[in-house]
Amino acid sequence: LSLEVFVAYGCALGFILIWLGITIASVTGASKALPIAG
C-alpha cells in the first residue's frame, strides 16, 4: 500500500512537474533545459 500510494501520486506529480517546467519555459523563454524547443 505505501508503495502503491507513492507510485500513483508520484507519477501524477512527476508528469505535472514536467508540464509546469515546459509551460514556464514557454512563457519566460527559458531554453537551457530544453534546447530543441527552446
PDB file of all heavy atoms in Angstrom:
ATOM      1  N   LEU A   1       0.813  -1.223   0.000  1.00  0.00           N
ATOM      2  CA  LEU A   1       0.000   0.000   0.000  1.00  0.00           C
ATOM      3  C   LEU A   1       0.843   1.268   0.000  1.00  0.00           C
ATOM      4  O   LEU A   1       0.572   2.192  -0.768  1.00  0.00           O
ATOM      5  CB  LEU A   1      -0.971   0.012   1.185  1.00  0.00           C
ATOM      6  CG  LEU A   1      -1.885   1.236   1.252  1.00  0.00           C
ATOM      7  CD1 LEU A   1      -2.742   1.341  -0.008  1.00  0.00           C
ATOM      8  CD2 LEU A   1      -2.762   1.176   2.484  1.00  0.00           C
ATOM      9  N   SER A   2       1.883   1.336   0.823  1.00  0.00           N
ATOM     10  CA  SER A   2       2.690   2.563   0.881  1.00  0.00           C
ATOM     11  C   SER A   2       3.380   2.812  -0.460  1.00  0.00           C
ATOM     12  O   SER A   2       3.464   3.953  -0.928  1.00  0.00           O
ATOM     13  CB  SER A   2       3.713   2.491   2.006  1.00  0.00           C
ATOM     14  OG  SER A   2       4.565   1.372   1.824  1.00  0.00           O
ATOM     15  N   LEU A   3       3.854   1.765  -1.090  1.00  0.00           N
ATOM     16  CA  LEU A   3       4.491   1.899  -2.391  1.00  0.00           C
ATOM     17  C   LEU A   3       3.459   2.243  -3.466  1.00  0.00           C
ATOM     18  O   LEU A   3       3.718   3.039  -4.370  1.00  0.00           O
ATOM     19  CB  LEU A   3       5.237   0.609  -2.746  1.00  0.00           C
ATOM     20  CG  LEU A   3       6.219   0.670  -3.907  1.00  0.00           C
ATOM     21  CD1 LEU A   3       7.251   1.769  -3.708  1.00  0.00           C
ATOM     22  CD2 LEU A   3       6.902  -0.669  -4.076  1.00  0.00           C
ATOM     23  N   GLU A   4       2.279   1.675  -3.348  1.00  0.00           N
ATOM     24  CA  GLU A   4       1.191   1.959  -4.295  1.00  0.00           C
ATOM     25  C   GLU A   4       0.832   3.445  -4.271  1.00  0.00           C
ATOM     26  O   GLU A   4       0.670   4.076  -5.322  1.00  0.00           O
ATOM     27  CB  GLU A   4      -0.026   1.105  -3.919  1.00  0.00           C
ATOM     28  CG  GLU A   4      -1.127   1.123  -4.918  1.00  0.00           C
ATOM     29  CD  GLU A   4      -2.257   0.169  -4.552  1.00  0.00           C
ATOM     30  OE1 GLU A   4      -1.987  -0.963  -4.104  1.00  0.00           O
ATOM     31  OE2 GLU A   4      -3.415   0.587  -4.716  1.00  0.00           O
ATOM     32  N   VAL A   5       0.738   4.003  -3.068  1.00  0.00           N
ATOM     33  CA  VAL A   5       0.414   5.429  -2.920  1.00  0.00           C
ATOM     34  C   VAL A   5       1.534   6.281  -3.527  1.00  0.00           C
ATOM     35  O   VAL A   5       1.277   7.240  -4.261  1.00  0.00           O
ATOM     36  CB  VAL A   5       0.174   5.776  -1.430  1.00  0.00           C
ATOM     37  CG1 VAL A   5       0.100   7.282  -1.217  1.00  0.00           C
ATOM     38  CG2 VAL A   5      -1.092   5.093  -0.933  1.00  0.00           C
ATOM     39  N   PHE A   6       2.786   5.913  -3.241  1.00  0.00           N
ATOM     40  CA  PHE A   6       3.923   6.642  -3.809  1.00  0.00           C
ATOM     41  C   PHE A   6       3.903   6.582  -5.328  1.00  0.00           C
ATOM     42  O   PHE A   6       4.111   7.596  -6.008  1.00  0.00           O
ATOM     43  CB  PHE A   6       5.249   6.083  -3.274  1.00  0.00           C
ATOM     44  CG  PHE A   6       6.460   6.595  -3.998  1.00  0.00           C
ATOM     45  CD1 PHE A   6       6.870   7.906  -3.847  1.00  0.00           C
ATOM     46  CD2 PHE A   6       7.165   5.766  -4.869  1.00  0.00           C
ATOM     47  CE1 PHE A   6       7.983   8.393  -4.543  1.00  0.00           C
ATOM     48  CE2 PHE A   6       8.273   6.239  -5.560  1.00  0.00           C
ATOM     49  CZ  PHE A   6       8.682   7.553  -5.393  1.00  0.00           C
ATOM     50  N   VAL A   7       3.655   5.414  -5.881  1.00  0.00           N
ATOM     51  CA  VAL A   7       3.655   5.250  -7.336  1.00  0.00           C
ATOM     52  C   VAL A   7       2.535   6.083  -7.968  1.00  0.00           C
ATOM     53  O   VAL A   7       2.766   6.814  -8.936  1.00  0.00           O
ATOM     54  CB  VAL A   7       3.528   3.758  -7.729  1.00  0.00           C
ATOM     55  CG1 VAL A   7       3.241   3.598  -9.214  1.00  0.00           C
ATOM     56  CG2 VAL A   7       4.796   3.009  -7.351  1.00  0.00           C
ATOM     57  N   ALA A   8       1.342   6.008  -7.425  1.00  0.00           N
ATOM     58  CA  ALA A   8       0.203   6.721  -8.015  1.00  0.00           C
ATOM     59  C   ALA A   8       0.417   8.234  -8.005  1.00  0.00           C
ATOM     60  O   ALA A   8       0.333   8.886  -9.051  1.00  0.00           O
ATOM     61  CB  ALA A   8      -1.081   6.368  -7.265  1.00  0.00           C
ATOM     62  N   TYR A   9       0.695   8.780  -6.840  1.00  0.00           N
ATOM     63  CA  TYR A   9       0.790  10.228  -6.735  1.00  0.00           C
ATOM     64  C   TYR A   9       2.147  10.749  -7.183  1.00  0.00           C
ATOM     65  O   TYR A   9       2.253  11.880  -7.658  1.00  0.00           O
ATOM     66  CB  TYR A   9       0.414  10.674  -5.322  1.00  0.00           C
ATOM     67  CG  TYR A   9      -0.971  10.188  -4.987  1.00  0.00           C
ATOM     68  CD1 TYR A   9      -1.181   9.230  -4.007  1.00  0.00           C
ATOM     69  CD2 TYR A   9      -2.070  10.637  -5.717  1.00  0.00           C
ATOM     70  CE1 TYR A   9      -2.457   8.752  -3.739  1.00  0.00           C
ATOM     71  CE2 TYR A   9      -3.349  10.156  -5.456  1.00  0.00           C
ATOM     72  CZ  TYR A   9      -3.524   9.217  -4.466  1.00  0.00           C
ATOM     73  OH  TYR A   9      -4.785   8.737  -4.207  1.00  0.00           O
ATOM     74  N   GLY A  10       3.186   9.920  -7.083  1.00  0.00           N
ATOM     75  CA  GLY A  10       4.489  10.302  -7.607  1.00  0.00           C
ATOM     76  C   GLY A  10       4.460  10.412  -9.118  1.00  0.00           C
ATOM     77  O   GLY A  10       5.074  11.302  -9.711  1.00  0.00           O
ATOM     78  N   CYS A  11       3.742   9.510  -9.743  1.00  0.00           N
ATOM     79  CA  CYS A  11       3.598   9.546 -11.197  1.00  0.00           C
ATOM     80  C   CYS A  11       2.860  10.824 -11.615  1.00  0.00           C
ATOM     81  O   CYS A  11       3.301  11.537 -12.523  1.00  0.00           O
ATOM     82  CB  CYS A  11       2.846   8.309 -11.658  1.00  0.00           C
ATOM     83  SG  CYS A  11       3.054   7.964 -13.389  1.00  0.00           S
ATOM     84  N   ALA A  12       1.764  11.108 -10.953  1.00  0.00           N
ATOM     85  CA  ALA A  12       1.000  12.319 -11.263  1.00  0.00           C
ATOM     86  C   ALA A  12       1.857  13.569 -11.037  1.00  0.00           C
ATOM     87  O   ALA A  12       1.904  14.462 -11.889  1.00  0.00           O
ATOM     88  CB  ALA A  12      -0.275  12.381 -10.423  1.00  0.00           C
ATOM     89  N   LEU A  13       2.559  13.617  -9.914  1.00  0.00           N
ATOM     90  CA  LEU A  13       3.396  14.771  -9.612  1.00  0.00           C
ATOM     91  C   LEU A  13       4.526  14.908 -10.630  1.00  0.00           C
ATOM     92  O   LEU A  13       4.825  16.010 -11.098  1.00  0.00           O
ATOM     93  CB  LEU A  13       3.964  14.658  -8.194  1.00  0.00           C
ATOM     94  CG  LEU A  13       4.907  15.779  -7.760  1.00  0.00           C
ATOM     95  CD1 LEU A  13       4.199  17.133  -7.782  1.00  0.00           C
ATOM     96  CD2 LEU A  13       5.476  15.488  -6.381  1.00  0.00           C
ATOM     97  N   GLY A  14       5.156  13.796 -10.981  1.00  0.00           N
ATOM     98  CA  GLY A  14       6.225  13.850 -11.971  1.00  0.00           C
ATOM     99  C   GLY A  14       5.756  14.404 -13.300  1.00  0.00           C
ATOM    100  O   GLY A  14       6.396  15.278 -13.895  1.00  0.00           O
ATOM    101  N   PHE A  15       4.624  13.911 -13.780  1.00  0.00           N
ATOM    102  CA  PHE A  15       4.069  14.396 -15.044  1.00  0.00           C
ATOM    103  C   PHE A  15       3.750  15.891 -14.960  1.00  0.00           C
ATOM    104  O   PHE A  15       4.020  16.653 -15.892  1.00  0.00           O
ATOM    105  CB  PHE A  15       2.800  13.631 -15.415  1.00  0.00           C
ATOM    106  CG  PHE A  15       3.019  12.212 -15.857  1.00  0.00           C
ATOM    107  CD1 PHE A  15       1.939  11.334 -15.896  1.00  0.00           C
ATOM    108  CD2 PHE A  15       4.259  11.730 -16.235  1.00  0.00           C
ATOM    109  CE1 PHE A  15       2.100  10.017 -16.313  1.00  0.00           C
ATOM    110  CE2 PHE A  15       4.435  10.417 -16.654  1.00  0.00           C
ATOM    111  CZ  PHE A  15       3.345   9.556 -16.686  1.00  0.00           C
ATOM    112  N   ILE A  16       3.155  16.304 -13.845  1.00  0.00           N
ATOM    113  CA  ILE A  16       2.768  17.711 -13.688  1.00  0.00           C
ATOM    114  C   ILE A  16       4.002  18.606 -13.599  1.00  0.00           C
ATOM    115  O   ILE A  16       4.015  19.707 -14.165  1.00  0.00           O
ATOM    116  CB  ILE A  16       1.822  17.874 -12.484  1.00  0.00           C
ATOM    117  CG1 ILE A  16       0.476  17.222 -12.811  1.00  0.00           C
ATOM    118  CG2 ILE A  16       1.645  19.345 -12.115  1.00  0.00           C
ATOM    119  CD1 ILE A  16      -0.459  17.048 -11.623  1.00  0.00           C
ATOM    120  N   LEU A  17       5.046  18.153 -12.917  1.00  0.00           N
ATOM    121  CA  LEU A  17       6.276  18.947 -12.843  1.00  0.00           C
ATOM    122  C   LEU A  17       6.904  19.141 -14.224  1.00  0.00           C
ATOM    123  O   LEU A  17       7.365  20.247 -14.553  1.00  0.00           O
ATOM    124  CB  LEU A  17       7.284  18.287 -11.906  1.00  0.00           C
ATOM    125  CG  LEU A  17       7.067  18.492 -10.416  1.00  0.00           C
ATOM    126  CD1 LEU A  17       8.038  17.627  -9.609  1.00  0.00           C
ATOM    127  CD2 LEU A  17       7.218  19.962 -10.049  1.00  0.00           C
ATOM    128  N   ILE A  18       6.931  18.086 -15.024  1.00  0.00           N
ATOM    129  CA  ILE A  18       7.465  18.222 -16.386  1.00  0.00           C
ATOM    130  C   ILE A  18       6.653  19.257 -17.154  1.00  0.00           C
ATOM    131  O   ILE A  18       7.203  20.167 -17.788  1.00  0.00           O
ATOM    132  CB  ILE A  18       7.453  16.870 -17.130  1.00  0.00           C
ATOM    133  CG1 ILE A  18       8.406  15.865 -16.473  1.00  0.00           C
ATOM    134  CG2 ILE A  18       7.802  17.062 -18.612  1.00  0.00           C
ATOM    135  CD1 ILE A  18       8.215  14.432 -16.944  1.00  0.00           C
ATOM    136  N   TRP A  19       5.338  19.131 -17.103  1.00  0.00           N
ATOM    137  CA  TRP A  19       4.458  20.062 -17.816  1.00  0.00           C
ATOM    138  C   TRP A  19       4.641  21.494 -17.319  1.00  0.00           C
ATOM    139  O   TRP A  19       4.738  22.429 -18.123  1.00  0.00           O
ATOM    140  CB  TRP A  19       3.005  19.606 -17.677  1.00  0.00           C
ATOM    141  CG  TRP A  19       2.017  20.634 -18.109  1.00  0.00           C
ATOM    142  CD1 TRP A  19       1.761  21.029 -19.392  1.00  0.00           C
ATOM    143  CD2 TRP A  19       1.170  21.419 -17.275  1.00  0.00           C
ATOM    144  NE1 TRP A  19       0.787  22.002 -19.392  1.00  0.00           N
ATOM    145  CE2 TRP A  19       0.412  22.255 -18.106  1.00  0.00           C
ATOM    146  CE3 TRP A  19       0.973  21.478 -15.900  1.00  0.00           C
ATOM    147  CZ2 TRP A  19      -0.512  23.158 -17.601  1.00  0.00           C
ATOM    148  CZ3 TRP A  19       0.042  22.367 -15.398  1.00  0.00           C
ATOM    149  CH2 TRP A  19      -0.691  23.195 -16.249  1.00  0.00           C
ATOM    150  N   LEU A  20       4.698  21.674 -16.000  1.00  0.00           N
ATOM    151  CA  LEU A  20       4.877  23.020 -15.455  1.00  0.00           C
ATOM    152  C   LEU A  20       6.203  23.624 -15.903  1.00  0.00           C
ATOM    153  O   LEU A  20       6.257  24.811 -16.258  1.00  0.00           O
ATOM    154  CB  LEU A  20       4.824  22.985 -13.921  1.00  0.00           C
ATOM    155  CG  LEU A  20       3.482  23.207 -13.270  1.00  0.00           C
ATOM    156  CD1 LEU A  20       3.600  23.073 -11.761  1.00  0.00           C
ATOM    157  CD2 LEU A  20       2.877  24.536 -13.648  1.00  0.00           C
ATOM    158  N   GLY A  21       7.260  22.824 -15.876  1.00  0.00           N
ATOM    159  CA  GLY A  21       8.547  23.318 -16.330  1.00  0.00           C
ATOM    160  C   GLY A  21       8.500  23.765 -17.778  1.00  0.00           C
ATOM    161  O   GLY A  21       9.003  24.844 -18.132  1.00  0.00           O
ATOM    162  N   ILE A  22       7.907  22.962 -18.629  1.00  0.00           N
ATOM    163  CA  ILE A  22       7.791  23.306 -20.047  1.00  0.00           C
ATOM    164  C   ILE A  22       6.922  24.550 -20.229  1.00  0.00           C
ATOM    165  O   ILE A  22       7.238  25.436 -21.040  1.00  0.00           O
ATOM    166  CB  ILE A  22       7.236  22.117 -20.859  1.00  0.00           C
ATOM    167  CG1 ILE A  22       8.233  20.953 -20.846  1.00  0.00           C
ATOM    168  CG2 ILE A  22       6.905  22.530 -22.292  1.00  0.00           C
ATOM    169  CD1 ILE A  22       7.678  19.655 -21.408  1.00  0.00           C
ATOM    170  N   THR A  23       5.845  24.632 -19.464  1.00  0.00           N
ATOM    171  CA  THR A  23       4.949  25.786 -19.562  1.00  0.00           C
ATOM    172  C   THR A  23       5.638  27.066 -19.119  1.00  0.00           C
ATOM    173  O   THR A  23       5.524  28.107 -19.781  1.00  0.00           O
ATOM    174  CB  THR A  23       3.668  25.535 -18.736  1.00  0.00           C
ATOM    175  OG1 THR A  23       3.019  24.370 -19.260  1.00  0.00           O
ATOM    176  CG2 THR A  23       2.728  26.720 -18.795  1.00  0.00           C
ATOM    177  N   ILE A  24       6.386  27.003 -18.022  1.00  0.00           N
ATOM    178  CA  ILE A  24       7.138  28.178 -17.574  1.00  0.00           C
ATOM    179  C   ILE A  24       8.169  28.573 -18.626  1.00  0.00           C
ATOM    180  O   ILE A  24       8.363  29.755 -18.915  1.00  0.00           O
ATOM    181  CB  ILE A  24       7.784  27.918 -16.194  1.00  0.00           C
ATOM    182  CG1 ILE A  24       6.697  27.845 -15.119  1.00  0.00           C
ATOM    183  CG2 ILE A  24       8.817  28.992 -15.846  1.00  0.00           C
ATOM    184  CD1 ILE A  24       7.174  27.346 -13.767  1.00  0.00           C
ATOM    185  N   ALA A  25       8.818  27.575 -19.226  1.00  0.00           N
ATOM    186  CA  ALA A  25       9.782  27.862 -20.291  1.00  0.00           C
ATOM    187  C   ALA A  25       9.109  28.561 -21.475  1.00  0.00           C
ATOM    188  O   ALA A  25       9.693  29.455 -22.093  1.00  0.00           O
ATOM    189  CB  ALA A  25      10.462  26.573 -20.753  1.00  0.00           C
ATOM    190  N   SER A  26       7.881  28.174 -21.787  1.00  0.00           N
ATOM    191  CA  SER A  26       7.193  28.788 -22.924  1.00  0.00           C
ATOM    192  C   SER A  26       6.863  30.254 -22.668  1.00  0.00           C
ATOM    193  O   SER A  26       6.857  31.061 -23.592  1.00  0.00           O
ATOM    194  CB  SER A  26       5.917  28.013 -23.273  1.00  0.00           C
ATOM    195  OG  SER A  26       4.886  28.259 -22.341  1.00  0.00           O
ATOM    196  N   VAL A  27       6.620  30.588 -21.415  1.00  0.00           N
ATOM    197  CA  VAL A  27       6.261  31.961 -21.056  1.00  0.00           C
ATOM    198  C   VAL A  27       7.502  32.838 -20.883  1.00  0.00           C
ATOM    199  O   VAL A  27       7.524  33.991 -21.306  1.00  0.00           O
ATOM    200  CB  VAL A  27       5.398  31.971 -19.766  1.00  0.00           C
ATOM    201  CG1 VAL A  27       5.163  33.381 -19.264  1.00  0.00           C
ATOM    202  CG2 VAL A  27       4.075  31.258 -20.016  1.00  0.00           C
ATOM    203  N   THR A  28       8.542  32.270 -20.268  1.00  0.00           N
ATOM    204  CA  THR A  28       9.734  33.060 -19.948  1.00  0.00           C
ATOM    205  C   THR A  28      10.793  33.031 -21.042  1.00  0.00           C
ATOM    206  O   THR A  28      11.660  33.902 -21.082  1.00  0.00           O
ATOM    207  CB  THR A  28      10.391  32.549 -18.660  1.00  0.00           C
ATOM    208  OG1 THR A  28      10.867  31.214 -18.850  1.00  0.00           O
ATOM    209  CG2 THR A  28       9.430  32.608 -17.480  1.00  0.00           C
ATOM    210  N   GLY A  29      10.776  32.026 -21.894  1.00  0.00           N
ATOM    211  CA  GLY A  29      11.798  31.870 -22.915  1.00  0.00           C
ATOM    212  C   GLY A  29      12.971  31.016 -22.471  1.00  0.00           C
ATOM    213  O   GLY A  29      13.967  30.912 -23.175  1.00  0.00           O
ATOM    214  N   ALA A  30      12.863  30.407 -21.303  1.00  0.00           N
ATOM    215  CA  ALA A  30      13.941  29.541 -20.815  1.00  0.00           C
ATOM    216  C   ALA A  30      14.192  28.439 -21.836  1.00  0.00           C
ATOM    217  O   ALA A  30      13.255  27.881 -22.405  1.00  0.00           O
ATOM    218  CB  ALA A  30      13.566  28.936 -19.458  1.00  0.00           C
ATOM    219  N   SER A  31      15.478  28.110 -22.044  1.00  0.00           N
ATOM    220  CA  SER A  31      15.789  27.158 -23.106  1.00  0.00           C
ATOM    221  C   SER A  31      16.902  26.168 -22.768  1.00  0.00           C
ATOM    222  O   SER A  31      17.077  25.193 -23.486  1.00  0.00           O
ATOM    223  CB  SER A  31      16.190  27.923 -24.368  1.00  0.00           C
ATOM    224  OG  SER A  31      17.363  28.683 -24.126  1.00  0.00           O
ATOM    225  N   LYS A  32      17.645  26.396 -21.712  1.00  0.00           N
ATOM    226  CA  LYS A  32      18.817  25.554 -21.450  1.00  0.00           C
ATOM    227  C   LYS A  32      18.441  24.102 -21.140  1.00  0.00           C
ATOM    228  O   LYS A  32      19.134  23.183 -21.565  1.00  0.00           O
ATOM    229  CB  LYS A  32      19.648  26.142 -20.310  1.00  0.00           C
ATOM    230  CG  LYS A  32      20.354  27.417 -20.714  1.00  0.00           C
ATOM    231  CD  LYS A  32      21.163  28.003 -19.582  1.00  0.00           C
ATOM    232  CE  LYS A  32      21.801  29.315 -20.025  1.00  0.00           C
ATOM    233  NZ  LYS A  32      22.422  30.004 -18.910  1.00  0.00           N
ATOM    234  N   ALA A  33      17.351  23.881 -20.415  1.00  0.00           N
ATOM    235  CA  ALA A  33      16.939  22.517 -20.068  1.00  0.00           C
ATOM    236  C   ALA A  33      16.266  21.807 -21.238  1.00  0.00           C
ATOM    237  O   ALA A  33      16.212  20.579 -21.265  1.00  0.00           O
ATOM    238  CB  ALA A  33      16.003  22.530 -18.861  1.00  0.00           C
ATOM    239  N   LEU A  34      15.747  22.561 -22.182  1.00  0.00           N
ATOM    240  CA  LEU A  34      15.007  22.010 -23.323  1.00  0.00           C
ATOM    241  C   LEU A  34      15.496  22.696 -24.597  1.00  0.00           C
ATOM    242  O   LEU A  34      14.780  23.489 -25.211  1.00  0.00           O
ATOM    243  CB  LEU A  34      13.504  22.239 -23.113  1.00  0.00           C
ATOM    244  CG  LEU A  34      12.947  21.670 -21.801  1.00  0.00           C
ATOM    245  CD1 LEU A  34      11.714  22.422 -21.343  1.00  0.00           C
ATOM    246  CD2 LEU A  34      12.660  20.197 -21.970  1.00  0.00           C
ATOM    247  N   PRO A  35      16.725  22.394 -25.012  1.00  0.00           N
ATOM    248  CA  PRO A  35      17.353  23.179 -26.083  1.00  0.00           C
ATOM    249  C   PRO A  35      16.711  23.049 -27.463  1.00  0.00           C
ATOM    250  O   PRO A  35      16.821  23.976 -28.268  1.00  0.00           O
ATOM    251  CB  PRO A  35      18.795  22.674 -26.097  1.00  0.00           C
ATOM    252  CG  PRO A  35      18.753  21.326 -25.460  1.00  0.00           C
ATOM    253  CD  PRO A  35      17.615  21.367 -24.480  1.00  0.00           C
ATOM    254  N   ILE A  36      16.056  21.957 -27.765  1.00  0.00           N
ATOM    255  CA  ILE A  36      15.469  21.815 -29.105  1.00  0.00           C
ATOM    256  C   ILE A  36      14.262  22.744 -29.254  1.00  0.00           C
ATOM    257  O   ILE A  36      14.195  23.560 -30.164  1.00  0.00           O
ATOM    258  CB  ILE A  36      15.099  20.349 -29.405  1.00  0.00           C
ATOM    259  CG1 ILE A  36      16.376  19.502 -29.465  1.00  0.00           C
ATOM    260  CG2 ILE A  36      14.309  20.244 -30.708  1.00  0.00           C
ATOM    261  CD1 ILE A  36      16.148  18.023 -29.582  1.00  0.00           C
ATOM    262  N   ALA A  37      13.304  22.639 -28.333  1.00  0.00           N
ATOM    263  CA  ALA A  37      12.120  23.502 -28.401  1.00  0.00           C
ATOM    264  C   ALA A  37      12.453  24.939 -28.010  1.00  0.00           C
ATOM    265  O   ALA A  37      11.734  25.865 -28.372  1.00  0.00           O
ATOM    266  CB  ALA A  37      11.013  22.965 -27.502  1.00  0.00           C
ATOM    267  N   GLY A  38      13.555  25.128 -27.284  1.00  0.00           N
ATOM    268  CA  GLY A  38      13.919  26.468 -26.817  1.00  0.00           C
ATOM    269  C   GLY A  38      14.925  27.186 -27.694  1.00  0.00           C
ATOM    270  O   GLY A  38      15.343  28.298 -27.362  1.00  0.00           O
TER     271      GLY A  38
END
